Amino acid sequence: MPTIVSDDFAFWRFSLHIYSGTGVPEACLRLQDEHGIDVNVMLYLLFLARCGRRVAPGDLDRIEAIAGEWRESVVRPLREVRRYLKAPHGAFDAELTNGLRNEVKRIELESERLQQFVMEHRAPPETLGEPQENTATCARHNLNAYAERQGGLPEEAIAAILRRFEGN
């Protein structure tokens, strides 16, 4: 299957690095499942911080305008199908549907990669926020802005993600 979008773009590489940190996948899943956050948006806010960009409220609106419809129409439905296939359903036991589940998982990951590509290319870091030298301060500010927009997020999950960001 030909790939139109290269795997070699900065935001994707950054996300893979952050996500591979101890405790980060669990923190991201908790934030996603219990608080409705878009992990790609959160990672983009961290990527912006790594680029030395401190976001403003309008930046969050711009990012959400890019990511929202795709997330709701493609990413979340694929996630729901993948999770549905994890358990047996009538005559369709998990062993029977495992191959299909793995293919849906691959497609779900591809849909998230495409979302990241579009976010980085439609809202490049240099067009968002204000320059800031301290990337750790930027990261905390950007995640706090997102947490406020979401009505608050658990500090321990955010702390695990920030530890990975600051530990590089």
Protein backbone atom coordinates (compact mmCIF):
# COMPACT_ATOMS: atom_id res chain seq x y z
CA MET A 1 0.00 0.00 0.00
CA PRO A 2 1.60 3.30 -1.02
CA THR A 3 2.06 5.94 1.64
CA ILE A 4 1.20 9.47 0.53
CA VAL A 5 2.36 11.08 3.78
CA SER A 6 5.90 10.35 4.87
CA ASP A 7 6.53 8.95 8.36
CA ASP A 8 9.38 11.42 8.61
CA PHE A 9 7.83 14.63 9.86
CA ALA A 10 8.83 16.37 13.05
CA PHE A 11 5.56 16.20 14.97
CA TRP A 12 5.16 12.45 14.37
CA ARG A 13 8.73 11.71 15.49
CA PHE A 14 8.23 13.89 18.57
CA SER A 15 4.96 12.13 19.42
CA LEU A 16 6.48 8.67 19.15
CA HIS A 17 9.29 9.77 21.45
CA ILE A 18 6.97 11.28 24.09
CA TYR A 19 4.52 8.37 23.93
CA SER A 20 7.29 5.83 24.52
CA GLY A 21 8.01 7.24 27.99
CA THR A 22 7.26 5.28 31.14
CA GLY A 23 3.68 5.89 32.24
CA VAL A 24 2.85 8.10 29.27
CA PRO A 25 0.60 5.67 27.34
CA GLU A 26 -1.43 4.99 30.48
CA ALA A 27 -1.70 8.71 31.28
CA CYS A 28 -2.78 9.48 27.71
CA LEU A 29 -5.41 6.74 27.71
CA ARG A 30 -6.78 7.95 31.04
CA LEU A 31 -7.00 11.53 29.78
CA GLN A 32 -8.65 10.35 26.57
CA ASP A 33 -11.12 7.89 28.07
CA GLU A 34 -12.03 9.68 31.30
CA HIS A 35 -11.72 13.33 30.25
CA GLY A 36 -12.35 13.31 26.51
CA ILE A 37 -9.07 14.89 25.48
CA ASP A 38 -7.63 14.46 22.02
CA VAL A 39 -4.19 12.98 22.63
CA ASN A 40 -2.98 14.35 19.30
CA VAL A 41 -4.01 17.87 20.28
CA MET A 42 -2.27 17.49 23.63
CA LEU A 43 0.87 16.18 21.93
CA TYR A 44 0.74 19.05 19.46
CA LEU A 45 0.65 21.51 22.33
CA LEU A 46 3.78 19.85 23.70
CA PHE A 47 5.37 19.91 20.25
CA LEU A 48 4.65 23.62 20.05
CA ALA A 49 6.32 24.03 23.44
CA ARG A 50 9.36 22.11 22.18
CA CYS A 51 9.43 24.62 19.31
CA GLY A 52 9.35 27.43 21.89
CA ARG A 53 5.74 28.47 21.26
CA ARG A 54 3.39 29.50 24.07
CA VAL A 55 -0.21 29.19 22.83
CA ALA A 56 -2.99 31.74 23.16
CA PRO A 57 -6.71 30.82 23.43
CA GLY A 58 -7.25 31.51 19.72
CA ASP A 59 -4.52 28.99 18.92
CA LEU A 60 -6.47 26.27 20.69
CA ASP A 61 -9.52 27.20 18.61
CA ARG A 62 -7.46 26.97 15.41
CA ILE A 63 -6.00 23.59 16.35
CA GLU A 64 -9.40 22.24 17.33
CA ALA A 65 -10.90 23.48 14.04
CA ILE A 66 -8.31 21.41 12.18
CA ALA A 67 -8.50 18.28 14.35
CA GLY A 68 -12.09 18.14 15.56
CA GLU A 69 -14.11 16.90 12.61
CA TRP A 70 -11.49 14.29 11.65
CA ARG A 71 -11.31 13.05 15.25
CA GLU A 72 -15.08 12.74 15.56
CA SER A 73 -15.75 11.30 12.09
CA VAL A 74 -12.74 9.00 11.64
CA VAL A 75 -10.46 8.46 14.65
CA ARG A 76 -13.07 7.86 17.37
CA PRO A 77 -15.27 5.54 15.27
CA LEU A 78 -12.22 3.45 14.35
CA ARG A 79 -11.22 3.30 18.04
CA GLU A 80 -14.74 2.17 18.95
CA VAL A 81 -14.67 -0.60 16.34
CA ARG A 82 -11.22 -1.77 17.48
CA ARG A 83 -12.35 -1.88 21.11
CA TYR A 84 -15.58 -3.64 20.18
CA LEU A 85 -13.61 -6.37 18.41
CA LYS A 86 -11.53 -7.02 21.53
CA ALA A 87 -14.34 -8.95 23.25
CA PRO A 88 -16.43 -11.85 21.92
CA HIS A 89 -19.82 -10.99 20.43
CA GLY A 90 -22.15 -13.92 19.88
CA ALA A 91 -20.65 -16.32 17.36
CA PHE A 92 -17.75 -13.92 16.78
CA ASP A 93 -15.18 -14.78 19.42
CA ALA A 94 -12.07 -12.65 19.93
CA GLU A 95 -9.80 -15.26 18.36
CA LEU A 96 -11.87 -15.19 15.19
CA THR A 97 -11.89 -11.40 14.95
CA ASN A 98 -8.28 -10.79 16.06
CA GLY A 99 -6.95 -10.35 12.51
CA LEU A 100 -9.65 -7.81 11.69
CA ARG A 101 -9.02 -6.03 15.00
CA ASN A 102 -5.32 -5.72 14.18
CA GLU A 103 -6.11 -4.28 10.76
CA VAL A 104 -8.52 -1.76 12.28
CA LYS A 105 -5.81 -0.87 14.81
CA ARG A 106 -3.36 -0.23 11.96
CA ILE A 107 -5.90 1.96 10.17
CA GLU A 108 -6.71 3.82 13.40
CA LEU A 109 -3.02 4.58 13.91
CA GLU A 110 -2.77 5.75 10.29
CA SER A 111 -5.76 8.05 10.82
CA GLU A 112 -3.99 9.60 13.82
CA ARG A 113 -0.76 10.00 11.86
CA LEU A 114 -2.68 11.79 9.11
CA GLN A 115 -4.30 14.01 11.73
CA GLN A 116 -0.87 14.92 13.05
CA PHE A 117 0.46 15.62 9.57
CA VAL A 118 -2.41 17.97 8.78
CA MET A 119 -2.12 19.72 12.16
CA GLU A 120 1.59 20.39 11.64
CA HIS A 121 1.15 21.56 8.05
CA ARG A 122 -2.06 23.59 8.43
CA ALA A 123 -1.01 25.24 11.70
CA PRO A 124 2.80 25.33 11.61
CA PRO A 125 4.47 26.12 14.94
CA GLU A 126 5.78 29.47 13.75
CA THR A 127 2.20 30.64 13.09
CA LEU A 128 0.96 29.89 16.60
CA GLY A 129 1.47 31.52 19.95
CA GLU A 130 4.30 33.68 21.13
CA PRO A 131 7.98 32.77 21.16
CA GLN A 132 9.24 31.66 24.55
CA GLU A 133 12.73 30.46 25.42
CA ASN A 134 11.91 28.13 28.30
CA THR A 135 10.29 25.08 26.72
CA ALA A 136 9.34 23.55 30.10
CA THR A 137 7.42 26.70 31.02
CA CYS A 138 5.78 26.64 27.58
CA ALA A 139 4.77 23.01 28.01
CA ARG A 140 3.17 23.64 31.40
CA HIS A 141 1.38 26.73 30.07
CA ASN A 142 0.13 24.94 26.93
CA LEU A 143 -1.16 21.92 28.86
CA ASN A 144 -2.75 24.14 31.51
CA ALA A 145 -4.54 26.07 28.77
CA TYR A 146 -5.87 22.79 27.34
CA ALA A 147 -6.81 21.51 30.81
CA GLU A 148 -8.76 24.70 31.48
CA ARG A 149 -10.55 24.35 28.16
CA GLN A 150 -11.47 20.76 29.09
CA GLY A 151 -12.74 21.73 32.53
CA GLY A 152 -9.67 20.44 34.36
CA LEU A 153 -7.47 17.37 34.05
CA PRO A 154 -5.89 15.13 36.70
CA GLU A 155 -2.53 16.50 37.79
CA GLU A 156 -0.83 13.10 38.10
CA ALA A 157 -1.52 12.22 34.45
CA ILE A 158 -0.28 15.62 33.27
CA ALA A 159 2.78 15.29 35.53
CA ALA A 160 3.74 11.93 33.96
CA ILE A 161 3.59 13.46 30.49
CA LEU A 162 5.53 16.57 31.54
CA ARG A 163 8.23 14.39 33.15
CA ARG A 164 8.79 12.70 29.79
CA PHE A 165 8.80 16.07 28.00
CA GLU A 166 11.27 17.61 30.42
CA GLY A 167 13.42 14.48 30.55
CA ASN A 168 13.64 14.55 26.78
